Each structure stands twice: as structure tokens, then as C-alpha cells.
Amino acid sequence: MARRVIQPGVARKHEGRVAVATSNTRWGSDGFEFRCDDGVKLSVSFALDCCDREAIGWVASPTGYSGDDVRDLMLESVEKRFGDQLPSTPVQWMSDNGSAYVAEQTRLFAQQIGLQSVTTPVRSPQSNGMAESSVKTIKRDYVAPMPRPNRETALRNLAIAFEHYNEQHPHSALKYRSPREFRRMKTASS
């Protein structure tokens, strides 16, 4: 029987805050699953900026999200925030210890595109609490009421849901502004 490979790193506990004061310094990633009315399961993974709370990108798969899905999400997030450039300083990519996130290929890819892969301490979901909270919000406010008779409809409605979340959903930490409203305000004041 093969032994489980332990992720390299240091045993640690949760200390400090997840939120940061500047956009594009730390992104959190998490995922959730739901079933369509026809029984098809969708696994969704997304990246969230830990300053402005924008869901930068997301991917969905009927088979659970893979390392390829996470790497696609990483690249999409970097391209949306930095265009065809790489970040001038590494952006922390915070995630849980799921196999798609801790795979060596994923960690190397993250490094190549200007991300610093950081995983939460084991049994410390509060370390990725911002993404965990967003999962609850998206499932409660968007997925639960949305029509999802099949995969295609669910994917279209997820795109609408994430767009609404970014443009309209108020966050108390942003003084009840939406993520994009907060970003526009920060850009205008700098």
C-alpha cells in the first residue's frame, strides 16, 4: 500500500488576519459543489481578492476540480488583474490543502506566473475564512434560488451570479460597497 505524500511545509497554526489593505497582494481560493435538477453535479472553484473581495475568476467541472482546473483559474486570475504582464511582486495564493492545490505541478506553475502558493494550516478553516464565507454567500444568495435544470443552464446562471456578486453584492468590510464599486473608488482616489 502506498503511503500518502505529505505536503512539504511547516506545521503551523492560524495566526493573524486574512484580509489585506491592498488589492493584488493576497488571493484566496476555495470551492463548492451543487447538483443540477437533472442530477448532474458541478464542482466550482474560484479566486477571491482578500482586499476588495472580488471573485476574480472561477471554473466549474462535473467531475470535481482538478489540478488543471486550478492552474487554469490561476492563469485567468493573473490575466484579469495584470493583463499580459506578470505581477511585479508575488501575489499570495491562499487555499486549503486539497490535492488540486498542493500538487507539485500546481505549486510550480503558480511560481512561474507570479503567485506564491500558501496553504492553510491543517484543521484551520478560519485561515481561509474569507473564501469560506464567500462560499456560504454564493451558495445561499445565488446558487440556491437560481434555475439549474441542467449543466448548461447552471453554468450560464453561475456567470450571471458571479457578475452580480462582483458588481452589486455589498460587503460590510467594504463599507457596504460591492467589490467592483470598492475597486473603482480606490482607483479614483489614487
N, C-alpha and C. Protein backbone atom coordinates (compact mmCIF):
# COMPACT_ATOMS: atom_id res chain seq x y z
N MET A 1 0.84 -1.17 0.00
CA MET A 1 0.00 0.00 0.00
C MET A 1 0.89 1.25 0.00
N ALA A 2 0.60 2.17 -0.88
CA ALA A 2 1.39 3.40 -0.98
C ALA A 2 1.04 4.35 0.16
N ARG A 3 2.06 4.99 0.67
CA ARG A 3 1.83 5.97 1.73
C ARG A 3 1.42 7.29 1.11
N ARG A 4 0.59 7.99 1.82
CA ARG A 4 0.15 9.31 1.37
C ARG A 4 1.33 10.28 1.45
N VAL A 5 1.52 11.05 0.40
CA VAL A 5 2.60 12.03 0.39
C VAL A 5 2.16 13.26 1.18
N ILE A 6 2.98 13.64 2.11
CA ILE A 6 2.69 14.81 2.94
C ILE A 6 3.24 16.05 2.24
N GLN A 7 2.42 17.08 2.21
CA GLN A 7 2.84 18.32 1.58
C GLN A 7 4.03 18.90 2.33
N PRO A 8 5.04 19.35 1.59
CA PRO A 8 6.17 19.97 2.27
C PRO A 8 5.74 21.25 2.96
N GLY A 9 6.31 21.52 4.09
CA GLY A 9 5.95 22.75 4.81
C GLY A 9 6.18 22.59 6.28
N VAL A 10 5.78 23.56 6.99
CA VAL A 10 6.00 23.60 8.43
C VAL A 10 4.65 23.48 9.13
N ALA A 11 4.60 22.67 10.17
CA ALA A 11 3.37 22.59 10.96
C ALA A 11 3.15 23.96 11.59
N ARG A 12 1.93 24.46 11.47
CA ARG A 12 1.66 25.80 11.97
C ARG A 12 0.20 25.93 12.35
N LYS A 13 -0.11 26.95 13.10
CA LYS A 13 -1.49 27.23 13.45
C LYS A 13 -1.89 28.58 12.85
N HIS A 14 -3.18 28.83 12.85
CA HIS A 14 -3.69 30.09 12.31
C HIS A 14 -3.31 31.25 13.22
N GLU A 15 -2.68 32.25 12.64
CA GLU A 15 -2.35 33.47 13.36
C GLU A 15 -2.53 34.64 12.41
N GLY A 16 -3.08 35.72 12.90
CA GLY A 16 -3.18 36.90 12.07
C GLY A 16 -4.48 37.01 11.32
N ARG A 17 -4.49 37.93 10.36
CA ARG A 17 -5.68 38.24 9.59
C ARG A 17 -5.52 37.78 8.15
N VAL A 18 -6.64 37.43 7.54
CA VAL A 18 -6.65 37.02 6.14
C VAL A 18 -6.75 38.26 5.25
N ALA A 19 -7.55 39.24 5.68
CA ALA A 19 -7.75 40.46 4.90
C ALA A 19 -6.44 41.24 4.79
N VAL A 20 -6.26 41.89 3.66
CA VAL A 20 -5.09 42.74 3.43
C VAL A 20 -5.58 44.12 3.00
N ALA A 21 -4.70 45.12 3.09
CA ALA A 21 -5.08 46.50 2.81
C ALA A 21 -4.97 46.88 1.34
N THR A 22 -4.30 46.06 0.54
CA THR A 22 -4.05 46.40 -0.86
C THR A 22 -4.49 45.26 -1.76
N SER A 23 -5.19 45.60 -2.83
CA SER A 23 -5.60 44.59 -3.81
C SER A 23 -4.36 43.96 -4.44
N ASN A 24 -4.54 42.75 -4.93
CA ASN A 24 -3.49 42.01 -5.64
C ASN A 24 -2.26 41.71 -4.79
N THR A 25 -2.46 41.55 -3.48
CA THR A 25 -1.37 41.08 -2.64
C THR A 25 -1.66 39.68 -2.10
N ARG A 26 -2.94 39.36 -1.90
CA ARG A 26 -3.33 38.01 -1.46
C ARG A 26 -4.67 37.66 -2.08
N TRP A 27 -4.71 36.48 -2.68
CA TRP A 27 -5.95 35.95 -3.23
C TRP A 27 -6.25 34.64 -2.51
N GLY A 28 -7.50 34.44 -2.16
CA GLY A 28 -7.93 33.19 -1.55
C GLY A 28 -8.70 32.37 -2.56
N SER A 29 -8.56 31.08 -2.50
CA SER A 29 -9.30 30.21 -3.42
C SER A 29 -9.98 29.11 -2.63
N ASP A 30 -11.19 28.80 -3.04
CA ASP A 30 -11.96 27.75 -2.39
C ASP A 30 -12.95 27.22 -3.41
N GLY A 31 -13.74 26.26 -3.00
CA GLY A 31 -14.70 25.68 -3.93
C GLY A 31 -15.94 25.17 -3.23
N PHE A 32 -16.91 24.80 -4.04
CA PHE A 32 -18.16 24.24 -3.53
C PHE A 32 -18.77 23.38 -4.62
N GLU A 33 -19.73 22.56 -4.22
CA GLU A 33 -20.43 21.69 -5.17
C GLU A 33 -21.92 21.88 -5.02
N PHE A 34 -22.63 21.60 -6.11
CA PHE A 34 -24.09 21.56 -6.06
C PHE A 34 -24.57 20.65 -7.18
N ARG A 35 -25.81 20.23 -7.08
CA ARG A 35 -26.40 19.37 -8.11
C ARG A 35 -27.42 20.16 -8.91
N CYS A 36 -27.44 19.86 -10.20
CA CYS A 36 -28.47 20.41 -11.07
C CYS A 36 -29.72 19.55 -10.89
N ASP A 37 -30.85 20.05 -11.37
CA ASP A 37 -32.11 19.32 -11.21
C ASP A 37 -32.09 17.97 -11.91
N ASP A 38 -31.25 17.84 -12.97
CA ASP A 38 -31.16 16.56 -13.68
C ASP A 38 -30.17 15.59 -13.02
N GLY A 39 -29.64 15.96 -11.84
CA GLY A 39 -28.75 15.08 -11.10
C GLY A 39 -27.27 15.30 -11.36
N VAL A 40 -26.91 16.10 -12.35
CA VAL A 40 -25.50 16.35 -12.66
C VAL A 40 -24.89 17.22 -11.56
N LYS A 41 -23.73 16.79 -11.07
CA LYS A 41 -23.02 17.54 -10.04
C LYS A 41 -22.06 18.53 -10.71
N LEU A 42 -21.95 19.72 -10.15
CA LEU A 42 -20.95 20.69 -10.60
C LEU A 42 -20.06 21.06 -9.42
N SER A 43 -18.77 21.01 -9.65
CA SER A 43 -17.79 21.45 -8.66
C SER A 43 -17.24 22.78 -9.15
N VAL A 44 -17.31 23.79 -8.31
CA VAL A 44 -16.90 25.14 -8.68
C VAL A 44 -15.73 25.56 -7.79
N SER A 45 -14.71 26.13 -8.39
CA SER A 45 -13.60 26.70 -7.65
C SER A 45 -13.46 28.15 -8.10
N PHE A 46 -13.10 29.04 -7.18
CA PHE A 46 -12.99 30.45 -7.53
C PHE A 46 -11.82 31.08 -6.79
N ALA A 47 -11.38 32.24 -7.29
CA ALA A 47 -10.33 33.03 -6.65
C ALA A 47 -10.93 34.35 -6.21
N LEU A 48 -10.60 34.77 -5.00
CA LEU A 48 -11.16 35.96 -4.39
C LEU A 48 -10.03 36.85 -3.89
N ASP A 49 -10.06 38.14 -4.23
CA ASP A 49 -9.05 39.06 -3.72
C ASP A 49 -9.35 39.34 -2.24
N CYS A 50 -8.35 39.20 -1.39
CA CYS A 50 -8.55 39.35 0.05
C CYS A 50 -8.59 40.80 0.52
N CYS A 51 -8.47 41.75 -0.40
CA CYS A 51 -8.69 43.16 -0.07
C CYS A 51 -10.06 43.60 -0.56
N ASP A 52 -10.27 43.51 -1.86
CA ASP A 52 -11.50 44.07 -2.44
C ASP A 52 -12.64 43.06 -2.57
N ARG A 53 -12.39 41.81 -2.23
CA ARG A 53 -13.40 40.74 -2.21
C ARG A 53 -13.95 40.36 -3.58
N GLU A 54 -13.36 40.86 -4.67
CA GLU A 54 -13.85 40.49 -5.99
C GLU A 54 -13.55 39.03 -6.28
N ALA A 55 -14.55 38.33 -6.81
CA ALA A 55 -14.32 36.97 -7.32
C ALA A 55 -13.66 37.17 -8.68
N ILE A 56 -12.36 37.02 -8.73
CA ILE A 56 -11.58 37.35 -9.93
C ILE A 56 -11.89 36.39 -11.06
N GLY A 57 -11.99 35.12 -10.74
CA GLY A 57 -12.28 34.11 -11.74
C GLY A 57 -12.87 32.88 -11.10
N TRP A 58 -13.40 31.99 -11.93
CA TRP A 58 -13.98 30.75 -11.43
C TRP A 58 -13.94 29.69 -12.53
N VAL A 59 -13.95 28.45 -12.11
CA VAL A 59 -14.02 27.31 -13.02
C VAL A 59 -15.04 26.33 -12.47
N ALA A 60 -15.66 25.56 -13.35
CA ALA A 60 -16.64 24.55 -12.93
C ALA A 60 -16.40 23.27 -13.71
N SER A 61 -16.60 22.16 -13.03
CA SER A 61 -16.38 20.85 -13.64
C SER A 61 -17.39 19.85 -13.08
N PRO A 62 -17.85 18.91 -13.91
CA PRO A 62 -18.77 17.89 -13.41
C PRO A 62 -18.06 16.77 -12.64
N THR A 63 -16.74 16.77 -12.64
CA THR A 63 -16.00 15.66 -12.03
C THR A 63 -15.16 16.08 -10.83
N GLY A 64 -15.42 17.22 -10.25
CA GLY A 64 -14.54 17.73 -9.20
C GLY A 64 -13.44 18.53 -9.85
N TYR A 65 -12.93 19.53 -9.17
CA TYR A 65 -11.90 20.34 -9.81
C TYR A 65 -10.54 19.68 -9.66
N SER A 66 -9.81 19.71 -10.75
CA SER A 66 -8.51 19.05 -10.84
C SER A 66 -7.39 20.08 -10.73
N GLY A 67 -6.17 19.60 -10.72
CA GLY A 67 -5.02 20.49 -10.77
C GLY A 67 -5.05 21.35 -12.02
N ASP A 68 -5.45 20.77 -13.15
CA ASP A 68 -5.56 21.55 -14.39
C ASP A 68 -6.57 22.68 -14.22
N ASP A 69 -7.70 22.39 -13.57
CA ASP A 69 -8.71 23.43 -13.34
C ASP A 69 -8.15 24.56 -12.47
N VAL A 70 -7.44 24.20 -11.42
CA VAL A 70 -6.87 25.21 -10.52
C VAL A 70 -5.82 26.03 -11.26
N ARG A 71 -4.99 25.38 -12.08
CA ARG A 71 -3.98 26.13 -12.84
C ARG A 71 -4.64 27.06 -13.86
N ASP A 72 -5.73 26.60 -14.49
CA ASP A 72 -6.49 27.48 -15.39
C ASP A 72 -7.02 28.69 -14.63
N LEU A 73 -7.54 28.46 -13.43
CA LEU A 73 -8.06 29.53 -12.60
C LEU A 73 -6.95 30.51 -12.21
N MET A 74 -5.80 29.99 -11.86
CA MET A 74 -4.66 30.85 -11.52
C MET A 74 -4.30 31.76 -12.69
N LEU A 75 -4.18 31.16 -13.87
CA LEU A 75 -3.80 31.93 -15.06
C LEU A 75 -4.87 32.96 -15.39
N GLU A 76 -6.14 32.56 -15.35
CA GLU A 76 -7.23 33.50 -15.62
C GLU A 76 -7.18 34.69 -14.65
N SER A 77 -6.91 34.42 -13.39
CA SER A 77 -6.86 35.48 -12.38
C SER A 77 -5.71 36.44 -12.64
N VAL A 78 -4.54 35.91 -12.94
CA VAL A 78 -3.39 36.77 -13.24
C VAL A 78 -3.67 37.61 -14.49
N GLU A 79 -4.24 36.99 -15.53
CA GLU A 79 -4.53 37.73 -16.76
C GLU A 79 -5.58 38.82 -16.52
N LYS A 80 -6.60 38.53 -15.72
CA LYS A 80 -7.64 39.55 -15.45
C LYS A 80 -7.08 40.72 -14.67
N ARG A 81 -6.17 40.48 -13.76
CA ARG A 81 -5.64 41.56 -12.93
C ARG A 81 -4.40 42.23 -13.52
N PHE A 82 -3.60 41.51 -14.31
CA PHE A 82 -2.33 42.06 -14.78
C PHE A 82 -2.17 42.05 -16.30
N GLY A 83 -3.20 41.63 -17.03
CA GLY A 83 -3.10 41.58 -18.49
C GLY A 83 -2.06 40.56 -18.90
N ASP A 84 -1.21 40.95 -19.85
CA ASP A 84 -0.19 40.01 -20.33
C ASP A 84 1.13 40.13 -19.56
N GLN A 85 1.11 40.86 -18.45
CA GLN A 85 2.28 41.01 -17.60
C GLN A 85 2.16 40.07 -16.39
N LEU A 86 3.28 39.80 -15.77
CA LEU A 86 3.27 39.07 -14.51
C LEU A 86 3.29 40.09 -13.37
N PRO A 87 2.81 39.71 -12.20
CA PRO A 87 2.87 40.64 -11.06
C PRO A 87 4.32 41.03 -10.77
N SER A 88 4.54 42.30 -10.40
CA SER A 88 5.91 42.74 -10.09
C SER A 88 6.41 42.14 -8.78
N THR A 89 5.50 41.87 -7.86
CA THR A 89 5.83 41.14 -6.64
C THR A 89 4.84 39.98 -6.53
N PRO A 90 5.26 38.85 -6.01
CA PRO A 90 4.36 37.70 -5.96
C PRO A 90 3.07 37.98 -5.19
N VAL A 91 1.98 37.48 -5.72
CA VAL A 91 0.68 37.55 -5.06
C VAL A 91 0.49 36.24 -4.30
N GLN A 92 0.17 36.33 -3.02
CA GLN A 92 -0.09 35.10 -2.26
C GLN A 92 -1.38 34.46 -2.77
N TRP A 93 -1.31 33.16 -3.03
CA TRP A 93 -2.47 32.37 -3.45
C TRP A 93 -2.79 31.45 -2.28
N MET A 94 -3.79 31.81 -1.48
CA MET A 94 -4.13 31.06 -0.27
C MET A 94 -5.23 30.05 -0.58
N SER A 95 -5.01 28.82 -0.17
CA SER A 95 -6.02 27.77 -0.40
C SER A 95 -5.96 26.76 0.73
N ASP A 96 -6.91 25.83 0.68
CA ASP A 96 -6.85 24.73 1.63
C ASP A 96 -5.82 23.72 1.12
N ASN A 97 -5.80 22.56 1.72
CA ASN A 97 -4.79 21.55 1.39
C ASN A 97 -5.31 20.49 0.43
N GLY A 98 -6.30 20.84 -0.38
CA GLY A 98 -6.84 19.91 -1.36
C GLY A 98 -5.78 19.50 -2.37
N SER A 99 -5.91 18.30 -2.90
CA SER A 99 -4.89 17.75 -3.80
C SER A 99 -4.66 18.61 -5.03
N ALA A 100 -5.70 19.25 -5.55
CA ALA A 100 -5.55 20.10 -6.74
C ALA A 100 -4.66 21.31 -6.43
N TYR A 101 -4.69 21.78 -5.19
CA TYR A 101 -3.92 22.96 -4.80
C TYR A 101 -2.49 22.63 -4.40
N VAL A 102 -2.28 21.49 -3.77
CA VAL A 102 -0.94 21.17 -3.25
C VAL A 102 -0.10 20.35 -4.22
N ALA A 103 -0.65 19.98 -5.36
CA ALA A 103 0.11 19.21 -6.34
C ALA A 103 1.37 19.99 -6.74
N GLU A 104 2.47 19.28 -6.86
CA GLU A 104 3.74 19.93 -7.20
C GLU A 104 3.62 20.73 -8.50
N GLN A 105 2.93 20.17 -9.49
CA GLN A 105 2.77 20.86 -10.77
C GLN A 105 2.03 22.19 -10.58
N THR A 106 1.04 22.21 -9.71
CA THR A 106 0.28 23.44 -9.43
C THR A 106 1.16 24.46 -8.72
N ARG A 107 1.92 24.02 -7.74
CA ARG A 107 2.78 24.93 -6.99
C ARG A 107 3.87 25.52 -7.89
N LEU A 108 4.44 24.71 -8.77
CA LEU A 108 5.46 25.21 -9.70
C LEU A 108 4.86 26.19 -10.70
N PHE A 109 3.67 25.86 -11.21
CA PHE A 109 3.00 26.76 -12.15
C PHE A 109 2.70 28.10 -11.48
N ALA A 110 2.22 28.05 -10.25
CA ALA A 110 1.93 29.29 -9.51
C ALA A 110 3.17 30.17 -9.45
N GLN A 111 4.28 29.57 -9.12
CA GLN A 111 5.53 30.32 -9.03
C GLN A 111 5.91 30.93 -10.38
N GLN A 112 5.72 30.18 -11.46
CA GLN A 112 6.07 30.67 -12.80
C GLN A 112 5.26 31.88 -13.23
N ILE A 113 4.03 32.00 -12.72
CA ILE A 113 3.17 33.11 -13.15
C ILE A 113 3.04 34.20 -12.07
N GLY A 114 3.93 34.18 -11.10
CA GLY A 114 3.97 35.26 -10.12
C GLY A 114 3.08 35.09 -8.90
N LEU A 115 2.71 33.85 -8.60
CA LEU A 115 1.91 33.58 -7.41
C LEU A 115 2.76 32.82 -6.40
N GLN A 116 2.52 33.09 -5.14
CA GLN A 116 3.17 32.35 -4.06
C GLN A 116 2.10 31.47 -3.42
N SER A 117 2.20 30.19 -3.64
CA SER A 117 1.20 29.25 -3.14
C SER A 117 1.35 29.09 -1.63
N VAL A 118 0.26 29.39 -0.90
CA VAL A 118 0.24 29.28 0.55
C VAL A 118 -0.99 28.46 0.93
N THR A 119 -0.78 27.43 1.73
CA THR A 119 -1.93 26.63 2.16
C THR A 119 -2.23 26.91 3.63
N THR A 120 -3.48 26.69 3.98
CA THR A 120 -3.91 26.93 5.35
C THR A 120 -3.39 25.82 6.26
N PRO A 121 -3.19 26.14 7.52
CA PRO A 121 -2.83 25.08 8.46
C PRO A 121 -3.93 24.01 8.48
N VAL A 122 -3.54 22.77 8.65
CA VAL A 122 -4.50 21.67 8.72
C VAL A 122 -5.46 21.92 9.88
N ARG A 123 -6.73 21.62 9.64
CA ARG A 123 -7.80 21.81 10.61
C ARG A 123 -7.91 23.26 11.08
N SER A 124 -7.72 24.18 10.15
CA SER A 124 -7.82 25.60 10.48
C SER A 124 -8.57 26.33 9.36
N PRO A 125 -9.87 26.03 9.18
CA PRO A 125 -10.61 26.65 8.09
C PRO A 125 -10.70 28.17 8.22
N GLN A 126 -10.54 28.71 9.44
CA GLN A 126 -10.60 30.15 9.59
C GLN A 126 -9.46 30.85 8.86
N SER A 127 -8.38 30.11 8.57
CA SER A 127 -7.26 30.70 7.85
C SER A 127 -7.63 31.09 6.43
N ASN A 128 -8.62 30.44 5.88
CA ASN A 128 -9.12 30.81 4.56
C ASN A 128 -10.57 31.28 4.72
N GLY A 129 -10.83 31.91 5.85
CA GLY A 129 -12.19 32.28 6.23
C GLY A 129 -12.90 33.19 5.26
N MET A 130 -12.16 34.07 4.60
CA MET A 130 -12.80 34.97 3.65
C MET A 130 -13.39 34.19 2.49
N ALA A 131 -12.63 33.25 1.95
CA ALA A 131 -13.14 32.43 0.85
C ALA A 131 -14.26 31.52 1.35
N GLU A 132 -14.10 30.97 2.56
CA GLU A 132 -15.14 30.12 3.13
C GLU A 132 -16.45 30.89 3.29
N SER A 133 -16.35 32.13 3.74
CA SER A 133 -17.54 32.97 3.90
C SER A 133 -18.18 33.26 2.55
N SER A 134 -17.36 33.48 1.54
CA SER A 134 -17.89 33.73 0.20
C SER A 134 -18.61 32.51 -0.35
N VAL A 135 -18.11 31.31 -0.03
CA VAL A 135 -18.80 30.09 -0.44
C VAL A 135 -20.21 30.09 0.12
N LYS A 136 -20.34 30.38 1.41
CA LYS A 136 -21.68 30.40 2.03
C LYS A 136 -22.58 31.43 1.37
N THR A 137 -22.05 32.62 1.11
CA THR A 137 -22.84 33.68 0.48
C THR A 137 -23.28 33.28 -0.91
N ILE A 138 -22.36 32.77 -1.71
CA ILE A 138 -22.69 32.41 -3.09
C ILE A 138 -23.71 31.27 -3.12
N LYS A 139 -23.52 30.27 -2.27
CA LYS A 139 -24.48 29.17 -2.24
C LYS A 139 -25.86 29.63 -1.76
N ARG A 140 -25.90 30.44 -0.72
CA ARG A 140 -27.17 30.89 -0.14
C ARG A 140 -27.89 31.90 -1.04
N ASP A 141 -27.16 32.93 -1.49
CA ASP A 141 -27.80 34.04 -2.20
C ASP A 141 -27.92 33.85 -3.70
N TYR A 142 -27.11 32.96 -4.27
CA TYR A 142 -27.09 32.82 -5.72
C TYR A 142 -27.45 31.42 -6.20
N VAL A 143 -26.75 30.41 -5.71
CA VAL A 143 -26.98 29.05 -6.21
C VAL A 143 -28.34 28.52 -5.77
N ALA A 144 -28.69 28.68 -4.50
CA ALA A 144 -29.96 28.12 -4.00
C ALA A 144 -31.17 28.61 -4.80
N PRO A 145 -31.30 29.91 -5.08
CA PRO A 145 -32.50 30.35 -5.81
C PRO A 145 -32.40 30.28 -7.33
N MET A 146 -31.21 30.02 -7.88
CA MET A 146 -31.09 30.11 -9.34
C MET A 146 -31.63 28.87 -10.04
N PRO A 147 -32.23 29.06 -11.21
CA PRO A 147 -32.65 27.90 -12.01
C PRO A 147 -31.41 27.12 -12.46
N ARG A 148 -31.45 25.82 -12.28
CA ARG A 148 -30.33 24.96 -12.68
C ARG A 148 -30.86 23.61 -13.16
N PRO A 149 -31.70 23.61 -14.18
CA PRO A 149 -32.27 22.35 -14.65
C PRO A 149 -31.22 21.40 -15.23
N ASN A 150 -30.13 21.98 -15.76
CA ASN A 150 -29.07 21.17 -16.36
C ASN A 150 -27.75 21.94 -16.27
N ARG A 151 -26.68 21.27 -16.68
CA ARG A 151 -25.33 21.85 -16.58
C ARG A 151 -25.21 23.16 -17.35
N GLU A 152 -25.71 23.19 -18.59
CA GLU A 152 -25.56 24.38 -19.44
C GLU A 152 -26.24 25.59 -18.81
N THR A 153 -27.46 25.40 -18.33
CA THR A 153 -28.19 26.50 -17.70
C THR A 153 -27.49 26.93 -16.41
N ALA A 154 -27.03 25.97 -15.64
CA ALA A 154 -26.34 26.28 -14.38
C ALA A 154 -25.08 27.10 -14.65
N LEU A 155 -24.32 26.73 -15.68
CA LEU A 155 -23.09 27.48 -16.00
C LEU A 155 -23.41 28.91 -16.42
N ARG A 156 -24.44 29.08 -17.24
CA ARG A 156 -24.85 30.44 -17.65
C ARG A 156 -25.26 31.25 -16.42
N ASN A 157 -26.03 30.63 -15.55
CA ASN A 157 -26.50 31.35 -14.36
C ASN A 157 -25.39 31.60 -13.35
N LEU A 158 -24.40 30.71 -13.29
CA LEU A 158 -23.24 30.97 -12.43
C LEU A 158 -22.48 32.20 -12.91
N ALA A 159 -22.33 32.34 -14.22
CA ALA A 159 -21.64 33.52 -14.77
C ALA A 159 -22.39 34.79 -14.36
N ILE A 160 -23.70 34.75 -14.45
CA ILE A 160 -24.53 35.90 -14.04
C ILE A 160 -24.38 36.14 -12.54
N ALA A 161 -24.38 35.06 -11.77
CA ALA A 161 -24.27 35.17 -10.31
C ALA A 161 -22.94 35.81 -9.89
N PHE A 162 -21.84 35.34 -10.46
CA PHE A 162 -20.54 35.91 -10.10
C PHE A 162 -20.45 37.37 -10.53
N GLU A 163 -21.01 37.70 -11.68
CA GLU A 163 -21.01 39.09 -12.13
C GLU A 163 -21.82 39.96 -11.16
N HIS A 164 -22.99 39.49 -10.74
CA HIS A 164 -23.80 40.24 -9.79
C HIS A 164 -23.08 40.37 -8.45
N TYR A 165 -22.47 39.29 -7.99
CA TYR A 165 -21.71 39.32 -6.74
C TYR A 165 -20.64 40.43 -6.80
N ASN A 166 -19.92 40.50 -7.91
CA ASN A 166 -18.85 41.49 -8.05
C ASN A 166 -19.37 42.92 -8.20
N GLU A 167 -20.46 43.11 -8.91
CA GLU A 167 -20.97 44.45 -9.20
C GLU A 167 -21.96 44.98 -8.17
N GLN A 168 -22.74 44.10 -7.55
CA GLN A 168 -23.85 44.56 -6.73
C GLN A 168 -23.82 44.14 -5.26
N HIS A 169 -23.18 43.04 -4.93
CA HIS A 169 -23.28 42.49 -3.58
C HIS A 169 -22.49 43.34 -2.57
N PRO A 170 -23.18 43.95 -1.59
CA PRO A 170 -22.47 44.79 -0.61
C PRO A 170 -21.73 43.94 0.43
N HIS A 171 -20.60 44.45 0.87
CA HIS A 171 -19.79 43.79 1.90
C HIS A 171 -19.59 44.77 3.05
N SER A 172 -19.84 44.32 4.25
CA SER A 172 -19.69 45.22 5.40
C SER A 172 -18.24 45.70 5.53
N ALA A 173 -17.27 44.85 5.23
CA ALA A 173 -15.86 45.25 5.34
C ALA A 173 -15.48 46.31 4.31
N LEU A 174 -16.30 46.45 3.26
CA LEU A 174 -16.05 47.46 2.23
C LEU A 174 -16.99 48.66 2.42
N LYS A 175 -17.49 48.82 3.63
CA LYS A 175 -18.46 49.88 3.95
C LYS A 175 -19.70 49.77 3.06
N TYR A 176 -20.14 48.55 2.91
CA TYR A 176 -21.36 48.19 2.16
C TYR A 176 -21.29 48.57 0.68
N ARG A 177 -20.08 48.51 0.15
CA ARG A 177 -19.90 48.66 -1.29
C ARG A 177 -19.72 47.27 -1.89
N SER A 178 -19.98 47.17 -3.18
CA SER A 178 -19.69 45.92 -3.88
C SER A 178 -18.18 45.87 -4.16
N PRO A 179 -17.64 44.70 -4.47
CA PRO A 179 -16.21 44.62 -4.77
C PRO A 179 -15.77 45.58 -5.88
N ARG A 180 -16.49 45.62 -6.97
CA ARG A 180 -16.06 46.49 -8.07
C ARG A 180 -16.28 47.96 -7.75
N GLU A 181 -17.33 48.27 -7.02
CA GLU A 181 -17.54 49.66 -6.59
C GLU A 181 -16.36 50.09 -5.71
N PHE A 182 -15.93 49.21 -4.82
CA PHE A 182 -14.79 49.49 -3.96
C PHE A 182 -13.52 49.69 -4.79
N ARG A 183 -13.31 48.82 -5.78
CA ARG A 183 -12.12 48.95 -6.64
C ARG A 183 -12.13 50.27 -7.41
N ARG A 184 -13.30 50.63 -7.94
CA ARG A 184 -13.39 51.90 -8.68
C ARG A 184 -13.09 53.08 -7.76
N MET A 185 -13.61 53.03 -6.54
CA MET A 185 -13.37 54.10 -5.58
C MET A 185 -11.88 54.20 -5.24
N LYS A 186 -11.24 53.06 -5.01
CA LYS A 186 -9.80 53.05 -4.69
C LYS A 186 -8.98 53.59 -5.85
N THR A 187 -9.36 53.22 -7.08
CA THR A 187 -8.63 53.68 -8.26
C THR A 187 -8.79 55.19 -8.42
N ALA A 188 -9.99 55.70 -8.21
CA ALA A 188 -10.26 57.13 -8.35
C ALA A 188 -9.50 57.96 -7.31
N SER A 189 -9.28 57.39 -6.13
CA SER A 189 -8.62 58.15 -5.07
C SER A 189 -7.10 58.04 -5.10
N SER A 190 -6.57 57.21 -6.00
CA SER A 190 -5.10 57.08 -6.04
C SER A 190 -4.49 57.79 -7.22
